[in-house]
Amino acid sequence: MTAGVDYNFGSAVLGASVGYDDFNAGLRASGTTVSGGSVQVQGTSASLYGAWFGQNWTFNGIATYGHLTTKLSRDVQYAVTYAGDFDLQTIPNKIDQCTVARVAPAL
């Protein structure tokens, strides 16, 4: 949503506007590996604008500032298979969770 005001000075116009956005969306499951997620986008903006109308010239200008924040979350499931013995707990700073299957090494 954006709202603004302006004023006509005869041969000139000055104005200002502000805006705010808030968007949320869910992600559907896709196949067997992606089980969904979400997206959130929030934003703000502000503008100052003006115009001057002469007999032979017209000048228009705008200055705008905007800021967006985006958050994305996605749930992914996967399996990892290692040959031989492997301890998943030995991985430092492990931030995901996966299913580990151990198989016998090839002879």
N, C-alpha and C. Protein backbone atom coordinates (compact mmCIF):
# COMPACT_ATOMS: atom_id res chain seq x y z
N MET A 1 0.84 -1.14 0.00
CA MET A 1 0.00 0.00 0.00
C MET A 1 0.90 1.23 0.00
N THR A 2 0.56 2.20 -0.80
CA THR A 2 1.29 3.47 -0.88
C THR A 2 0.29 4.61 -0.77
N ALA A 3 0.65 5.61 0.00
CA ALA A 3 -0.22 6.79 0.14
C ALA A 3 0.66 8.03 0.09
N GLY A 4 0.11 9.10 -0.44
CA GLY A 4 0.88 10.33 -0.55
C GLY A 4 0.00 11.55 -0.62
N VAL A 5 0.65 12.69 -0.49
CA VAL A 5 -0.04 13.99 -0.61
C VAL A 5 0.83 14.89 -1.47
N ASP A 6 0.18 15.82 -2.17
CA ASP A 6 0.93 16.83 -2.92
C ASP A 6 0.16 18.14 -2.89
N TYR A 7 0.88 19.18 -3.24
CA TYR A 7 0.29 20.52 -3.22
C TYR A 7 0.68 21.26 -4.49
N ASN A 8 -0.27 21.94 -5.10
CA ASN A 8 -0.04 22.69 -6.32
C ASN A 8 0.21 24.15 -5.96
N PHE A 9 1.40 24.65 -6.32
CA PHE A 9 1.79 26.03 -6.06
C PHE A 9 1.58 26.93 -7.29
N GLY A 10 0.77 26.53 -8.20
CA GLY A 10 0.57 27.29 -9.44
C GLY A 10 1.43 26.72 -10.55
N SER A 11 2.69 27.15 -10.62
CA SER A 11 3.58 26.61 -11.66
C SER A 11 4.49 25.50 -11.11
N ALA A 12 4.23 25.04 -9.89
CA ALA A 12 5.03 23.96 -9.30
C ALA A 12 4.14 23.06 -8.46
N VAL A 13 4.59 21.81 -8.33
CA VAL A 13 3.90 20.82 -7.49
C VAL A 13 4.96 20.14 -6.64
N LEU A 14 4.70 20.00 -5.34
CA LEU A 14 5.57 19.26 -4.43
C LEU A 14 4.74 18.21 -3.71
N GLY A 15 5.34 17.06 -3.44
CA GLY A 15 4.60 16.01 -2.77
C GLY A 15 5.49 15.02 -2.06
N ALA A 16 4.86 14.17 -1.27
CA ALA A 16 5.56 13.12 -0.54
C ALA A 16 4.66 11.89 -0.48
N SER A 17 5.28 10.71 -0.39
CA SER A 17 4.52 9.47 -0.26
C SER A 17 5.28 8.49 0.61
N VAL A 18 4.55 7.57 1.22
CA VAL A 18 5.14 6.49 2.01
C VAL A 18 4.44 5.20 1.61
N GLY A 19 5.17 4.09 1.74
CA GLY A 19 4.60 2.80 1.36
C GLY A 19 5.01 1.70 2.30
N TYR A 20 4.19 0.67 2.38
CA TYR A 20 4.48 -0.50 3.21
C TYR A 20 3.97 -1.74 2.47
N ASP A 21 4.79 -2.80 2.46
CA ASP A 21 4.43 -4.07 1.82
C ASP A 21 4.59 -5.18 2.84
N ASP A 22 3.69 -6.14 2.82
CA ASP A 22 3.78 -7.33 3.67
C ASP A 22 3.19 -8.49 2.89
N PHE A 23 4.04 -9.44 2.49
CA PHE A 23 3.63 -10.55 1.64
C PHE A 23 4.08 -11.85 2.29
N ASN A 24 3.17 -12.80 2.41
CA ASN A 24 3.48 -14.13 2.95
C ASN A 24 2.97 -15.18 1.97
N ALA A 25 3.77 -16.20 1.75
CA ALA A 25 3.36 -17.29 0.85
C ALA A 25 3.86 -18.61 1.41
N GLY A 26 3.08 -19.64 1.21
CA GLY A 26 3.49 -20.98 1.58
C GLY A 26 3.96 -21.74 0.35
N LEU A 27 4.94 -22.61 0.53
CA LEU A 27 5.45 -23.44 -0.57
C LEU A 27 4.90 -24.85 -0.41
N ARG A 28 4.33 -25.36 -1.48
CA ARG A 28 3.78 -26.71 -1.44
C ARG A 28 4.88 -27.75 -1.56
N ALA A 29 4.57 -28.95 -1.09
CA ALA A 29 5.49 -30.07 -1.24
C ALA A 29 5.70 -30.36 -2.72
N SER A 30 6.93 -30.74 -3.07
CA SER A 30 7.27 -31.02 -4.46
C SER A 30 8.03 -32.34 -4.52
N GLY A 31 7.37 -33.37 -4.93
CA GLY A 31 8.02 -34.67 -5.04
C GLY A 31 8.25 -35.28 -3.68
N THR A 32 9.35 -36.03 -3.56
CA THR A 32 9.63 -36.73 -2.31
C THR A 32 10.65 -36.01 -1.44
N THR A 33 11.33 -34.98 -1.97
CA THR A 33 12.40 -34.37 -1.19
C THR A 33 12.04 -33.02 -0.57
N VAL A 34 11.22 -32.23 -1.19
CA VAL A 34 10.86 -30.91 -0.66
C VAL A 34 9.48 -31.03 -0.02
N SER A 35 9.43 -30.81 1.30
CA SER A 35 8.17 -30.99 2.01
C SER A 35 7.47 -29.67 2.30
N GLY A 36 7.86 -28.59 1.65
CA GLY A 36 7.18 -27.32 1.81
C GLY A 36 8.09 -26.25 2.39
N GLY A 37 7.49 -25.15 2.79
CA GLY A 37 8.24 -24.04 3.36
C GLY A 37 7.41 -22.77 3.30
N SER A 38 8.08 -21.64 3.48
CA SER A 38 7.36 -20.36 3.47
C SER A 38 8.28 -19.23 3.02
N VAL A 39 7.67 -18.15 2.54
CA VAL A 39 8.38 -16.94 2.13
C VAL A 39 7.66 -15.75 2.76
N GLN A 40 8.45 -14.84 3.34
CA GLN A 40 7.88 -13.61 3.88
C GLN A 40 8.71 -12.44 3.38
N VAL A 41 8.02 -11.43 2.81
CA VAL A 41 8.69 -10.23 2.31
C VAL A 41 8.00 -9.02 2.95
N GLN A 42 8.79 -8.17 3.58
CA GLN A 42 8.26 -6.93 4.15
C GLN A 42 9.10 -5.78 3.62
N GLY A 43 8.45 -4.67 3.31
CA GLY A 43 9.18 -3.53 2.77
C GLY A 43 8.55 -2.20 3.14
N THR A 44 9.38 -1.18 3.14
CA THR A 44 8.93 0.19 3.36
C THR A 44 9.57 1.08 2.31
N SER A 45 8.91 2.20 2.01
CA SER A 45 9.47 3.14 1.06
C SER A 45 8.98 4.55 1.40
N ALA A 46 9.74 5.53 0.96
CA ALA A 46 9.36 6.93 1.13
C ALA A 46 9.86 7.70 -0.09
N SER A 47 9.08 8.66 -0.55
CA SER A 47 9.45 9.45 -1.72
C SER A 47 9.11 10.92 -1.51
N LEU A 48 9.95 11.76 -2.09
CA LEU A 48 9.67 13.19 -2.23
C LEU A 48 9.70 13.48 -3.72
N TYR A 49 8.73 14.20 -4.22
CA TYR A 49 8.68 14.46 -5.65
C TYR A 49 8.20 15.87 -5.91
N GLY A 50 8.53 16.35 -7.09
CA GLY A 50 8.12 17.69 -7.44
C GLY A 50 8.19 17.92 -8.94
N ALA A 51 7.56 19.00 -9.35
CA ALA A 51 7.56 19.38 -10.77
C ALA A 51 7.46 20.91 -10.86
N TRP A 52 8.08 21.45 -11.90
CA TRP A 52 8.00 22.88 -12.19
C TRP A 52 7.61 23.02 -13.65
N PHE A 53 6.64 23.86 -13.93
CA PHE A 53 6.13 24.04 -15.29
C PHE A 53 6.41 25.47 -15.74
N GLY A 54 7.30 25.63 -16.68
CA GLY A 54 7.58 26.95 -17.27
C GLY A 54 6.89 27.08 -18.62
N GLN A 55 7.13 28.21 -19.28
CA GLN A 55 6.52 28.40 -20.60
C GLN A 55 7.12 27.45 -21.63
N ASN A 56 8.44 27.24 -21.57
CA ASN A 56 9.11 26.41 -22.56
C ASN A 56 9.74 25.15 -21.96
N TRP A 57 9.75 25.05 -20.63
CA TRP A 57 10.43 23.94 -19.97
C TRP A 57 9.54 23.31 -18.91
N THR A 58 9.74 22.04 -18.70
CA THR A 58 9.09 21.32 -17.60
C THR A 58 10.16 20.50 -16.90
N PHE A 59 10.18 20.56 -15.59
CA PHE A 59 11.14 19.79 -14.81
C PHE A 59 10.38 18.90 -13.84
N ASN A 60 10.71 17.59 -13.83
CA ASN A 60 10.12 16.63 -12.90
C ASN A 60 11.24 15.92 -12.16
N GLY A 61 11.06 15.69 -10.88
CA GLY A 61 12.07 14.98 -10.11
C GLY A 61 11.45 14.16 -8.99
N ILE A 62 12.16 13.10 -8.61
CA ILE A 62 11.71 12.26 -7.50
C ILE A 62 12.93 11.68 -6.80
N ALA A 63 12.87 11.60 -5.49
CA ALA A 63 13.90 10.92 -4.68
C ALA A 63 13.17 9.88 -3.84
N THR A 64 13.64 8.65 -3.92
CA THR A 64 12.95 7.54 -3.25
C THR A 64 13.93 6.70 -2.47
N TYR A 65 13.50 6.25 -1.30
CA TYR A 65 14.27 5.29 -0.49
C TYR A 65 13.36 4.10 -0.23
N GLY A 66 13.92 2.91 -0.36
CA GLY A 66 13.15 1.70 -0.09
C GLY A 66 13.99 0.66 0.62
N HIS A 67 13.34 -0.17 1.41
CA HIS A 67 14.03 -1.23 2.15
C HIS A 67 13.15 -2.49 2.14
N LEU A 68 13.74 -3.63 1.76
CA LEU A 68 13.04 -4.92 1.75
C LEU A 68 13.73 -5.90 2.69
N THR A 69 12.93 -6.68 3.39
CA THR A 69 13.43 -7.78 4.21
C THR A 69 12.76 -9.05 3.71
N THR A 70 13.56 -10.06 3.38
CA THR A 70 13.04 -11.31 2.85
C THR A 70 13.46 -12.47 3.75
N LYS A 71 12.50 -13.32 4.10
CA LYS A 71 12.79 -14.52 4.87
C LYS A 71 12.26 -15.71 4.09
N LEU A 72 13.12 -16.70 3.86
CA LEU A 72 12.76 -17.88 3.11
C LEU A 72 13.07 -19.10 3.95
N SER A 73 12.13 -20.00 4.07
CA SER A 73 12.32 -21.24 4.80
C SER A 73 11.86 -22.38 3.90
N ARG A 74 12.71 -23.37 3.75
CA ARG A 74 12.35 -24.51 2.90
C ARG A 74 12.77 -25.79 3.60
N ASP A 75 11.91 -26.76 3.64
CA ASP A 75 12.19 -28.04 4.28
C ASP A 75 12.57 -29.05 3.21
N VAL A 76 13.78 -29.60 3.33
CA VAL A 76 14.29 -30.56 2.36
C VAL A 76 14.69 -31.83 3.10
N GLN A 77 14.26 -32.95 2.62
CA GLN A 77 14.61 -34.24 3.22
C GLN A 77 15.49 -35.00 2.24
N TYR A 78 16.57 -35.58 2.75
CA TYR A 78 17.45 -36.34 1.89
C TYR A 78 18.13 -37.43 2.68
N ALA A 79 18.67 -38.41 1.97
CA ALA A 79 19.39 -39.52 2.58
C ALA A 79 20.82 -39.50 2.07
N VAL A 80 21.76 -39.85 2.95
CA VAL A 80 23.17 -39.90 2.59
C VAL A 80 23.67 -41.31 2.87
N THR A 81 24.41 -41.88 1.93
CA THR A 81 24.95 -43.23 2.10
C THR A 81 26.47 -43.16 2.07
N TYR A 82 27.10 -43.73 3.10
CA TYR A 82 28.57 -43.76 3.19
C TYR A 82 29.03 -45.21 3.16
N ALA A 83 30.17 -45.45 2.55
CA ALA A 83 30.77 -46.79 2.55
C ALA A 83 31.53 -46.98 3.85
N GLY A 84 31.34 -48.11 4.53
CA GLY A 84 32.06 -48.40 5.77
C GLY A 84 31.44 -47.70 6.97
N ASP A 85 32.26 -47.67 8.05
CA ASP A 85 31.78 -47.04 9.28
C ASP A 85 31.97 -45.54 9.22
N PHE A 86 30.97 -44.81 9.65
CA PHE A 86 31.05 -43.36 9.68
C PHE A 86 30.11 -42.88 10.79
N ASP A 87 30.62 -42.01 11.65
CA ASP A 87 29.83 -41.48 12.75
C ASP A 87 29.41 -40.06 12.41
N LEU A 88 28.13 -39.85 12.15
CA LEU A 88 27.62 -38.54 11.76
C LEU A 88 27.84 -37.50 12.84
N GLN A 89 27.91 -37.94 14.10
CA GLN A 89 28.08 -36.99 15.20
C GLN A 89 29.48 -36.37 15.22
N THR A 90 30.42 -36.89 14.44
CA THR A 90 31.78 -36.33 14.43
C THR A 90 31.91 -35.11 13.52
N ILE A 91 30.89 -34.76 12.77
CA ILE A 91 30.94 -33.60 11.89
C ILE A 91 30.75 -32.34 12.74
N PRO A 92 31.73 -31.42 12.75
CA PRO A 92 31.57 -30.21 13.55
C PRO A 92 30.54 -29.25 12.95
N ASN A 93 29.84 -28.53 13.79
CA ASN A 93 28.87 -27.51 13.37
C ASN A 93 27.81 -28.07 12.43
N LYS A 94 27.35 -29.28 12.69
CA LYS A 94 26.32 -29.90 11.86
C LYS A 94 25.01 -29.15 12.05
N ILE A 95 24.44 -28.61 10.97
CA ILE A 95 23.23 -27.81 11.09
C ILE A 95 22.02 -28.46 10.42
N ASP A 96 22.20 -29.60 9.78
CA ASP A 96 21.06 -30.25 9.16
C ASP A 96 20.83 -31.61 9.79
N GLN A 97 19.72 -32.20 9.44
CA GLN A 97 19.42 -33.54 9.91
C GLN A 97 19.18 -34.40 8.68
N CYS A 98 19.93 -35.46 8.58
CA CYS A 98 19.75 -36.34 7.44
C CYS A 98 19.75 -37.79 7.90
N THR A 99 19.24 -38.66 7.07
CA THR A 99 19.22 -40.08 7.35
C THR A 99 20.50 -40.69 6.78
N VAL A 100 21.22 -41.43 7.61
CA VAL A 100 22.48 -42.03 7.18
C VAL A 100 22.32 -43.52 7.10
N ALA A 101 22.71 -44.09 5.95
CA ALA A 101 22.69 -45.54 5.75
C ALA A 101 24.14 -46.01 5.61
N ARG A 102 24.49 -47.06 6.35
CA ARG A 102 25.86 -47.60 6.26
C ARG A 102 25.81 -48.84 5.35
N VAL A 103 26.75 -48.89 4.43
CA VAL A 103 26.85 -50.05 3.53
C VAL A 103 28.23 -50.65 3.69
N ALA A 104 28.35 -51.91 3.37
CA ALA A 104 29.64 -52.58 3.47
C ALA A 104 30.55 -52.08 2.37
N PRO A 105 31.87 -51.90 2.67
CA PRO A 105 32.79 -51.43 1.64
C PRO A 105 32.92 -52.46 0.51
N ALA A 106 33.16 -51.96 -0.69
CA ALA A 106 33.32 -52.84 -1.85
C ALA A 106 34.59 -53.63 -1.72
N LEU A 107 34.56 -54.91 -2.10
CA LEU A 107 35.76 -55.77 -2.04
C LEU A 107 36.51 -55.79 -3.33
